[in-house]
């Protein structure tokens, strides 16, 4: 039934909720993308368009995550199957 998946994707895009669906998928895969340790030191605050806003427990973690930002973006995009996330803001 690949045609059903393609039809659904077309409908989602046509009615303008594709970004919302991708944002939900990115939120769902956050823990899998970053692992338990990073997940326990972060809170995914919001996803705006193609940008994830993350609250970090302290400055040391913020610096570590800034160094790993591109890697995390790639993992998230791989897990959701689209190049939807372009940036992560760590606060």
PDB file of N, CA and C in Angstrom:
ATOM      1  N   UNK A   1       0.793  -1.201   0.000  1.00  0.00           N
ATOM      2  CA  UNK A   1       0.000   0.000   0.000  1.00  0.00           C
ATOM      3  C   UNK A   1       0.836   1.266   0.000  1.00  0.00           C
ATOM      4  N   UNK A   2       1.932   1.318  -0.745  1.00  0.00           N
ATOM      5  CA  UNK A   2       2.728   2.548  -0.801  1.00  0.00           C
ATOM      6  C   UNK A   2       1.931   3.726  -1.351  1.00  0.00           C
ATOM      7  N   UNK A   3       0.961   3.444  -2.181  1.00  0.00           N
ATOM      8  CA  UNK A   3       0.164   4.530  -2.755  1.00  0.00           C
ATOM      9  C   UNK A   3      -0.618   5.266  -1.670  1.00  0.00           C
ATOM     10  N   UNK A   4      -1.055   4.549  -0.633  1.00  0.00           N
ATOM     11  CA  UNK A   4      -1.788   5.180   0.458  1.00  0.00           C
ATOM     12  C   UNK A   4      -0.887   6.151   1.216  1.00  0.00           C
ATOM     13  N   UNK A   5       0.333   5.727   1.483  1.00  0.00           N
ATOM     14  CA  UNK A   5       1.302   6.587   2.163  1.00  0.00           C
ATOM     15  C   UNK A   5       1.583   7.840   1.338  1.00  0.00           C
ATOM     16  N   UNK A   6       1.770   7.661   0.045  1.00  0.00           N
ATOM     17  CA  UNK A   6       2.013   8.805  -0.841  1.00  0.00           C
ATOM     18  C   UNK A   6       0.810   9.733  -0.889  1.00  0.00           C
ATOM     19  N   UNK A   7      -0.393   9.158  -0.933  1.00  0.00           N
ATOM     20  CA  UNK A   7      -1.615   9.967  -0.966  1.00  0.00           C
ATOM     21  C   UNK A   7      -1.771  10.767   0.320  1.00  0.00           C
ATOM     22  N   UNK A   8      -1.495  10.122   1.456  1.00  0.00           N
ATOM     23  CA  UNK A   8      -1.589  10.818   2.740  1.00  0.00           C
ATOM     24  C   UNK A   8      -0.597  11.954   2.822  1.00  0.00           C
ATOM     25  N   UNK A   9       0.628  11.702   2.376  1.00  0.00           N
ATOM     26  CA  UNK A   9       1.650  12.738   2.392  1.00  0.00           C
ATOM     27  C   UNK A   9       1.235  13.924   1.519  1.00  0.00           C
ATOM     28  N   UNK A  10       0.647  13.637   0.382  1.00  0.00           N
ATOM     29  CA  UNK A  10       0.193  14.711  -0.511  1.00  0.00           C
ATOM     30  C   UNK A  10      -0.918  15.530   0.138  1.00  0.00           C
ATOM     31  N   UNK A  11      -1.846  14.857   0.813  1.00  0.00           N
ATOM     32  CA  UNK A  11      -2.949  15.561   1.488  1.00  0.00           C
ATOM     33  C   UNK A  11      -2.400  16.443   2.610  1.00  0.00           C
ATOM     34  N   UNK A  12      -1.482  15.899   3.397  1.00  0.00           N
ATOM     35  CA  UNK A  12      -0.881  16.661   4.500  1.00  0.00           C
ATOM     36  C   UNK A  12      -0.208  17.913   3.956  1.00  0.00           C
ATOM     37  N   UNK A  13       0.531  17.756   2.877  1.00  0.00           N
ATOM     38  CA  UNK A  13       1.219  18.906   2.279  1.00  0.00           C
ATOM     39  C   UNK A  13       0.220  19.900   1.697  1.00  0.00           C
ATOM     40  N   UNK A  14      -0.791  19.392   1.045  1.00  0.00           N
ATOM     41  CA  UNK A  14      -1.777  20.253   0.393  1.00  0.00           C
ATOM     42  C   UNK A  14      -2.560  21.101   1.390  1.00  0.00           C
ATOM     43  N   UNK A  15      -2.904  20.525   2.536  1.00  0.00           N
ATOM     44  CA  UNK A  15      -3.697  21.306   3.497  1.00  0.00           C
ATOM     45  C   UNK A  15      -2.831  22.125   4.446  1.00  0.00           C
ATOM     46  N   UNK A  16      -1.525  22.053   4.254  1.00  0.00           N
ATOM     47  CA  UNK A  16      -0.637  22.963   4.969  1.00  0.00           C
ATOM     48  C   UNK A  16      -0.251  22.558   6.369  1.00  0.00           C
ATOM     49  N   UNK A  17      -0.336  21.287   6.696  1.00  0.00           N
ATOM     50  CA  UNK A  17       0.051  20.872   8.049  1.00  0.00           C
ATOM     51  C   UNK A  17       1.326  20.035   8.053  1.00  0.00           C
ATOM     52  N   UNK A  18       2.021  19.990   6.936  1.00  0.00           N
ATOM     53  CA  UNK A  18       3.231  19.173   6.860  1.00  0.00           C
ATOM     54  C   UNK A  18       4.247  19.574   7.926  1.00  0.00           C
ATOM     55  N   UNK A  19       4.492  20.870   8.088  1.00  0.00           N
ATOM     56  CA  UNK A  19       5.482  21.311   9.084  1.00  0.00           C
ATOM     57  C   UNK A  19       5.060  20.914  10.488  1.00  0.00           C
ATOM     58  N   UNK A  20       3.781  20.989  10.762  1.00  0.00           N
ATOM     59  CA  UNK A  20       3.279  20.583  12.072  1.00  0.00           C
ATOM     60  C   UNK A  20       3.501  19.091  12.300  1.00  0.00           C
ATOM     61  N   UNK A  21       3.250  18.292  11.286  1.00  0.00           N
ATOM     62  CA  UNK A  21       3.463  16.850  11.394  1.00  0.00           C
ATOM     63  C   UNK A  21       4.946  16.548  11.595  1.00  0.00           C
ATOM     64  N   UNK A  22       5.807  17.219  10.838  1.00  0.00           N
ATOM     65  CA  UNK A  22       7.252  17.017  10.986  1.00  0.00           C
ATOM     66  C   UNK A  22       7.731  17.457  12.367  1.00  0.00           C
ATOM     67  N   UNK A  23       7.176  18.546  12.878  1.00  0.00           N
ATOM     68  CA  UNK A  23       7.536  19.007  14.220  1.00  0.00           C
ATOM     69  C   UNK A  23       7.154  17.968  15.268  1.00  0.00           C
ATOM     70  N   UNK A  24       5.970  17.388  15.132  1.00  0.00           N
ATOM     71  CA  UNK A  24       5.544  16.347  16.067  1.00  0.00           C
ATOM     72  C   UNK A  24       6.469  15.135  15.988  1.00  0.00           C
ATOM     73  N   UNK A  25       6.858  14.763  14.781  1.00  0.00           N
ATOM     74  CA  UNK A  25       7.764  13.626  14.615  1.00  0.00           C
ATOM     75  C   UNK A  25       9.133  13.934  15.225  1.00  0.00           C
ATOM     76  N   UNK A  26       9.622  15.165  15.046  1.00  0.00           N
ATOM     77  CA  UNK A  26      10.906  15.552  15.642  1.00  0.00           C
ATOM     78  C   UNK A  26      10.830  15.481  17.163  1.00  0.00           C
ATOM     79  N   UNK A  27       9.729  15.924  17.725  1.00  0.00           N
ATOM     80  CA  UNK A  27       9.542  15.861  19.185  1.00  0.00           C
ATOM     81  C   UNK A  27       9.543  14.403  19.648  1.00  0.00           C
ATOM     82  N   UNK A  28       8.897  13.545  18.866  1.00  0.00           N
ATOM     83  CA  UNK A  28       8.807  12.131  19.218  1.00  0.00           C
ATOM     84  C   UNK A  28      10.169  11.427  19.209  1.00  0.00           C
ATOM     85  N   UNK A  29      11.086  11.843  18.338  1.00  0.00           N
ATOM     86  CA  UNK A  29      12.369  11.146  18.214  1.00  0.00           C
ATOM     87  C   UNK A  29      13.501  11.818  18.988  1.00  0.00           C
ATOM     88  N   UNK A  30      13.222  12.908  19.691  1.00  0.00           N
ATOM     89  CA  UNK A  30      14.264  13.646  20.405  1.00  0.00           C
ATOM     90  C   UNK A  30      15.090  12.722  21.307  1.00  0.00           C
ATOM     91  N   UNK A  31      14.418  11.973  22.173  1.00  0.00           N
ATOM     92  CA  UNK A  31      15.135  11.111  23.126  1.00  0.00           C
ATOM     93  C   UNK A  31      15.973  10.063  22.391  1.00  0.00           C
ATOM     94  N   UNK A  32      15.421   9.473  21.362  1.00  0.00           N
ATOM     95  CA  UNK A  32      16.159   8.469  20.586  1.00  0.00           C
ATOM     96  C   UNK A  32      17.384   9.091  19.906  1.00  0.00           C
ATOM     97  N   UNK A  33      17.248  10.318  19.443  1.00  0.00           N
ATOM     98  CA  UNK A  33      18.338  10.993  18.734  1.00  0.00           C
ATOM     99  C   UNK A  33      19.479  11.382  19.669  1.00  0.00           C
ATOM    100  N   UNK A  34      19.150  11.806  20.891  1.00  0.00           N
ATOM    101  CA  UNK A  34      20.190  12.327  21.790  1.00  0.00           C
ATOM    102  C   UNK A  34      20.621  11.347  22.879  1.00  0.00           C
ATOM    103  N   UNK A  35      19.812  10.337  23.158  1.00  0.00           N
ATOM    104  CA  UNK A  35      20.140   9.378  24.207  1.00  0.00           C
ATOM    105  C   UNK A  35      19.644   9.815  25.577  1.00  0.00           C
ATOM    106  N   UNK A  36      19.702   8.888  26.524  1.00  0.00           N
ATOM    107  CA  UNK A  36      19.143   9.119  27.864  1.00  0.00           C
ATOM    108  C   UNK A  36      19.848  10.229  28.639  1.00  0.00           C
ATOM    109  N   UNK A  37      21.181  10.255  28.576  1.00  0.00           N
ATOM    110  CA  UNK A  37      21.930  11.235  29.368  1.00  0.00           C
ATOM    111  C   UNK A  37      21.627  12.668  28.930  1.00  0.00           C
ATOM    112  N   UNK A  38      21.701  12.921  27.639  1.00  0.00           N
ATOM    113  CA  UNK A  38      21.384  14.272  27.143  1.00  0.00           C
ATOM    114  C   UNK A  38      19.920  14.587  27.384  1.00  0.00           C
ATOM    115  N   UNK A  39      19.051  13.621  27.137  1.00  0.00           N
ATOM    116  CA  UNK A  39      17.623  13.849  27.351  1.00  0.00           C
ATOM    117  C   UNK A  39      17.323  14.243  28.797  1.00  0.00           C
ATOM    118  N   UNK A  40      18.032  13.627  29.741  1.00  0.00           N
ATOM    119  CA  UNK A  40      17.780  13.942  31.152  1.00  0.00           C
ATOM    120  C   UNK A  40      18.319  15.316  31.549  1.00  0.00           C
ATOM    121  N   UNK A  41      19.136  15.923  30.711  1.00  0.00           N
ATOM    122  CA  UNK A  41      19.686  17.251  30.997  1.00  0.00           C
ATOM    123  C   UNK A  41      19.118  18.337  30.089  1.00  0.00           C
ATOM    124  N   UNK A  42      18.085  17.998  29.358  1.00  0.00           N
ATOM    125  CA  UNK A  42      17.460  18.961  28.444  1.00  0.00           C
ATOM    126  C   UNK A  42      15.949  18.863  28.511  1.00  0.00           C
ATOM    127  N   UNK A  43      15.313  19.951  28.090  1.00  0.00           N
ATOM    128  CA  UNK A  43      13.865  19.973  27.909  1.00  0.00           C
ATOM    129  C   UNK A  43      13.589  20.584  26.555  1.00  0.00           C
ATOM    130  N   UNK A  44      12.929  19.828  25.700  1.00  0.00           N
ATOM    131  CA  UNK A  44      12.559  20.349  24.399  1.00  0.00           C
ATOM    132  C   UNK A  44      11.390  21.311  24.618  1.00  0.00           C
ATOM    133  N   UNK A  45      11.673  22.604  24.492  1.00  0.00           N
ATOM    134  CA  UNK A  45      10.678  23.622  24.823  1.00  0.00           C
ATOM    135  C   UNK A  45       9.678  23.850  23.699  1.00  0.00           C
ATOM    136  N   UNK A  46      10.199  23.958  22.463  1.00  0.00           N
ATOM    137  CA  UNK A  46       9.313  24.311  21.360  1.00  0.00           C
ATOM    138  C   UNK A  46       9.974  23.954  20.038  1.00  0.00           C
ATOM    139  N   UNK A  47       9.156  23.786  19.027  1.00  0.00           N
ATOM    140  CA  UNK A  47       9.650  23.639  17.666  1.00  0.00           C
ATOM    141  C   UNK A  47       8.931  24.682  16.828  1.00  0.00           C
ATOM    142  N   UNK A  48       9.703  25.600  16.277  1.00  0.00           N
ATOM    143  CA  UNK A  48       9.153  26.685  15.456  1.00  0.00           C
ATOM    144  C   UNK A  48       9.667  26.515  14.040  1.00  0.00           C
ATOM    145  N   UNK A  49       8.747  26.240  13.123  1.00  0.00           N
ATOM    146  CA  UNK A  49       9.107  25.983  11.726  1.00  0.00           C
ATOM    147  C   UNK A  49      10.144  24.882  11.674  1.00  0.00           C
ATOM    148  N   UNK A  50      11.374  25.173  11.365  1.00  0.00           N
ATOM    149  CA  UNK A  50      12.388  24.123  11.252  1.00  0.00           C
ATOM    150  C   UNK A  50      13.486  24.293  12.301  1.00  0.00           C
ATOM    151  N   UNK A  51      13.108  24.870  13.444  1.00  0.00           N
ATOM    152  CA  UNK A  51      14.072  25.159  14.505  1.00  0.00           C
ATOM    153  C   UNK A  51      13.560  24.592  15.832  1.00  0.00           C
ATOM    154  N   UNK A  52      14.431  23.859  16.530  1.00  0.00           N
ATOM    155  CA  UNK A  52      14.084  23.307  17.839  1.00  0.00           C
ATOM    156  C   UNK A  52      14.683  24.204  18.917  1.00  0.00           C
ATOM    157  N   UNK A  53      13.875  24.540  19.905  1.00  0.00           N
ATOM    158  CA  UNK A  53      14.321  25.325  21.057  1.00  0.00           C
ATOM    159  C   UNK A  53      14.445  24.362  22.241  1.00  0.00           C
ATOM    160  N   UNK A  54      15.650  24.307  22.828  1.00  0.00           N
ATOM    161  CA  UNK A  54      15.926  23.360  23.906  1.00  0.00           C
ATOM    162  C   UNK A  54      16.450  24.110  25.122  1.00  0.00           C
ATOM    163  N   UNK A  55      15.867  23.810  26.280  1.00  0.00           N
ATOM    164  CA  UNK A  55      16.367  24.332  27.553  1.00  0.00           C
ATOM    165  C   UNK A  55      17.367  23.315  28.092  1.00  0.00           C
ATOM    166  N   UNK A  56      18.547  23.808  28.478  1.00  0.00           N
ATOM    167  CA  UNK A  56      19.631  22.942  28.936  1.00  0.00           C
ATOM    168  C   UNK A  56      19.852  23.167  30.436  1.00  0.00           C
ATOM    169  N   UNK A  57      20.208  22.106  31.141  1.00  0.00           N
ATOM    170  CA  UNK A  57      20.310  22.181  32.607  1.00  0.00           C
ATOM    171  C   UNK A  57      21.412  23.107  33.106  1.00  0.00           C
ATOM    172  N   UNK A  58      22.514  23.243  32.346  1.00  0.00           N
ATOM    173  CA  UNK A  58      23.576  24.143  32.784  1.00  0.00           C
ATOM    174  C   UNK A  58      24.470  24.522  31.601  1.00  0.00           C
ATOM    175  N   UNK A  59      25.376  25.432  31.844  1.00  0.00           N
ATOM    176  CA  UNK A  59      26.239  25.969  30.786  1.00  0.00           C
ATOM    177  C   UNK A  59      27.189  24.919  30.216  1.00  0.00           C
ATOM    178  N   UNK A  60      27.653  24.017  31.032  1.00  0.00           N
ATOM    179  CA  UNK A  60      28.551  22.962  30.549  1.00  0.00           C
ATOM    180  C   UNK A  60      27.851  22.088  29.510  1.00  0.00           C
ATOM    181  N   UNK A  61      26.606  21.711  29.812  1.00  0.00           N
ATOM    182  CA  UNK A  61      25.838  20.931  28.843  1.00  0.00           C
ATOM    183  C   UNK A  61      25.548  21.749  27.594  1.00  0.00           C
ATOM    184  N   UNK A  62      25.264  23.012  27.765  1.00  0.00           N
ATOM    185  CA  UNK A  62      24.994  23.872  26.605  1.00  0.00           C
ATOM    186  C   UNK A  62      26.193  23.888  25.656  1.00  0.00           C
ATOM    187  N   UNK A  63      27.386  24.042  26.213  1.00  0.00           N
ATOM    188  CA  UNK A  63      28.600  24.051  25.386  1.00  0.00           C
ATOM    189  C   UNK A  63      28.798  22.712  24.680  1.00  0.00           C
ATOM    190  N   UNK A  64      28.590  21.623  25.397  1.00  0.00           N
ATOM    191  CA  UNK A  64      28.722  20.287  24.804  1.00  0.00           C
ATOM    192  C   UNK A  64      27.735  20.095  23.648  1.00  0.00           C
ATOM    193  N   UNK A  65      26.512  20.529  23.869  1.00  0.00           N
ATOM    194  CA  UNK A  65      25.485  20.359  22.840  1.00  0.00           C
ATOM    195  C   UNK A  65      25.720  21.262  21.637  1.00  0.00           C
ATOM    196  N   UNK A  66      26.256  22.442  21.872  1.00  0.00           N
ATOM    197  CA  UNK A  66      26.615  23.305  20.742  1.00  0.00           C
ATOM    198  C   UNK A  66      27.655  22.623  19.855  1.00  0.00           C
ATOM    199  N   UNK A  67      28.603  21.938  20.477  1.00  0.00           N
ATOM    200  CA  UNK A  67      29.616  21.205  19.710  1.00  0.00           C
ATOM    201  C   UNK A  67      29.007  20.048  18.914  1.00  0.00           C
ATOM    202  N   UNK A  68      27.921  19.484  19.423  1.00  0.00           N
ATOM    203  CA  UNK A  68      27.306  18.312  18.787  1.00  0.00           C
ATOM    204  C   UNK A  68      26.048  18.647  17.995  1.00  0.00           C
ATOM    205  N   UNK A  69      25.773  19.923  17.840  1.00  0.00           N
ATOM    206  CA  UNK A  69      24.519  20.365  17.223  1.00  0.00           C
ATOM    207  C   UNK A  69      24.280  19.759  15.844  1.00  0.00           C
ATOM    208  N   UNK A  70      25.252  19.819  14.954  1.00  0.00           N
ATOM    209  CA  UNK A  70      25.067  19.299  13.592  1.00  0.00           C
ATOM    210  C   UNK A  70      24.793  17.801  13.606  1.00  0.00           C
ATOM    211  N   UNK A  71      25.493  17.086  14.478  1.00  0.00           N
ATOM    212  CA  UNK A  71      25.284  15.642  14.619  1.00  0.00           C
ATOM    213  C   UNK A  71      23.851  15.342  15.071  1.00  0.00           C
ATOM    214  N   UNK A  72      23.357  16.109  16.036  1.00  0.00           N
ATOM    215  CA  UNK A  72      21.995  15.912  16.551  1.00  0.00           C
ATOM    216  C   UNK A  72      20.975  16.219  15.464  1.00  0.00           C
ATOM    217  N   UNK A  73      21.171  17.304  14.735  1.00  0.00           N
ATOM    218  CA  UNK A  73      20.253  17.657  13.647  1.00  0.00           C
ATOM    219  C   UNK A  73      20.203  16.531  12.621  1.00  0.00           C
ATOM    220  N   UNK A  74      21.355  15.999  12.258  1.00  0.00           N
ATOM    221  CA  UNK A  74      21.394  14.913  11.279  1.00  0.00           C
ATOM    222  C   UNK A  74      20.664  13.672  11.798  1.00  0.00           C
ATOM    223  N   UNK A  75      20.850  13.340  13.067  1.00  0.00           N
ATOM    224  CA  UNK A  75      20.174  12.171  13.639  1.00  0.00           C
ATOM    225  C   UNK A  75      18.659  12.350  13.634  1.00  0.00           C
ATOM    226  N   UNK A  76      18.205  13.530  14.035  1.00  0.00           N
ATOM    227  CA  UNK A  76      16.767  13.784  14.051  1.00  0.00           C
ATOM    228  C   UNK A  76      16.199  13.667  12.647  1.00  0.00           C
ATOM    229  N   UNK A  77      16.834  14.316  11.698  1.00  0.00           N
ATOM    230  CA  UNK A  77      16.348  14.266  10.316  1.00  0.00           C
ATOM    231  C   UNK A  77      16.371  12.844   9.762  1.00  0.00           C
ATOM    232  N   UNK A  78      17.394  12.071  10.096  1.00  0.00           N
ATOM    233  CA  UNK A  78      17.445  10.671   9.662  1.00  0.00           C
ATOM    234  C   UNK A  78      16.281   9.879  10.252  1.00  0.00           C
ATOM    235  N   UNK A  79      15.995  10.109  11.525  1.00  0.00           N
ATOM    236  CA  UNK A  79      14.923   9.369  12.190  1.00  0.00           C
ATOM    237  C   UNK A  79      13.534   9.728  11.665  1.00  0.00           C
ATOM    238  N   UNK A  80      13.329  10.994  11.285  1.00  0.00           N
ATOM    239  CA  UNK A  80      11.999  11.361  10.771  1.00  0.00           C
ATOM    240  C   UNK A  80      11.911  11.184   9.260  1.00  0.00           C
ATOM    241  N   UNK A  81      13.044  10.937   8.626  1.00  0.00           N
ATOM    242  CA  UNK A  81      13.029  10.632   7.205  1.00  0.00           C
ATOM    243  C   UNK A  81      12.928  11.827   6.282  1.00  0.00           C
ATOM    244  N   UNK A  82      13.171  13.003   6.810  1.00  0.00           N
ATOM    245  CA  UNK A  82      13.146  14.219   6.007  1.00  0.00           C
ATOM    246  C   UNK A  82      14.146  15.218   6.559  1.00  0.00           C
ATOM    247  N   UNK A  83      14.563  16.130   5.713  1.00  0.00           N
ATOM    248  CA  UNK A  83      15.491  17.179   6.121  1.00  0.00           C
ATOM    249  C   UNK A  83      14.694  18.369   6.657  1.00  0.00           C
ATOM    250  N   UNK A  84      13.973  18.131   7.742  1.00  0.00           N
ATOM    251  CA  UNK A  84      13.020  19.116   8.255  1.00  0.00           C
ATOM    252  C   UNK A  84      13.629  20.083   9.262  1.00  0.00           C
ATOM    253  N   UNK A  85      14.565  19.603  10.084  1.00  0.00           N
ATOM    254  CA  UNK A  85      15.149  20.440  11.130  1.00  0.00           C
ATOM    255  C   UNK A  85      16.431  21.050  10.604  1.00  0.00           C
ATOM    256  N   UNK A  86      16.503  22.373  10.685  1.00  0.00           N
ATOM    257  CA  UNK A  86      17.668  23.101  10.170  1.00  0.00           C
ATOM    258  C   UNK A  86      18.551  23.671  11.280  1.00  0.00           C
ATOM    259  N   UNK A  87      17.965  23.865  12.476  1.00  0.00           N
ATOM    260  CA  UNK A  87      18.729  24.508  13.543  1.00  0.00           C
ATOM    261  C   UNK A  87      18.192  24.065  14.903  1.00  0.00           C
ATOM    262  N   UNK A  88      19.060  24.124  15.891  1.00  0.00           N
ATOM    263  CA  UNK A  88      18.670  23.908  17.286  1.00  0.00           C
ATOM    264  C   UNK A  88      19.248  25.068  18.086  1.00  0.00           C
ATOM    265  N   UNK A  89      18.407  25.676  18.896  1.00  0.00           N
ATOM    266  CA  UNK A  89      18.812  26.756  19.795  1.00  0.00           C
ATOM    267  C   UNK A  89      18.864  26.183  21.209  1.00  0.00           C
ATOM    268  N   UNK A  90      20.027  26.249  21.840  1.00  0.00           N
ATOM    269  CA  UNK A  90      20.191  25.756  23.207  1.00  0.00           C
ATOM    270  C   UNK A  90      20.213  26.950  24.160  1.00  0.00           C
ATOM    271  N   UNK A  91      19.325  26.947  25.126  1.00  0.00           N
ATOM    272  CA  UNK A  91      19.217  28.043  26.090  1.00  0.00           C
ATOM    273  C   UNK A  91      19.503  27.553  27.485  1.00  0.00           C
TER     274      UNK A  91
END
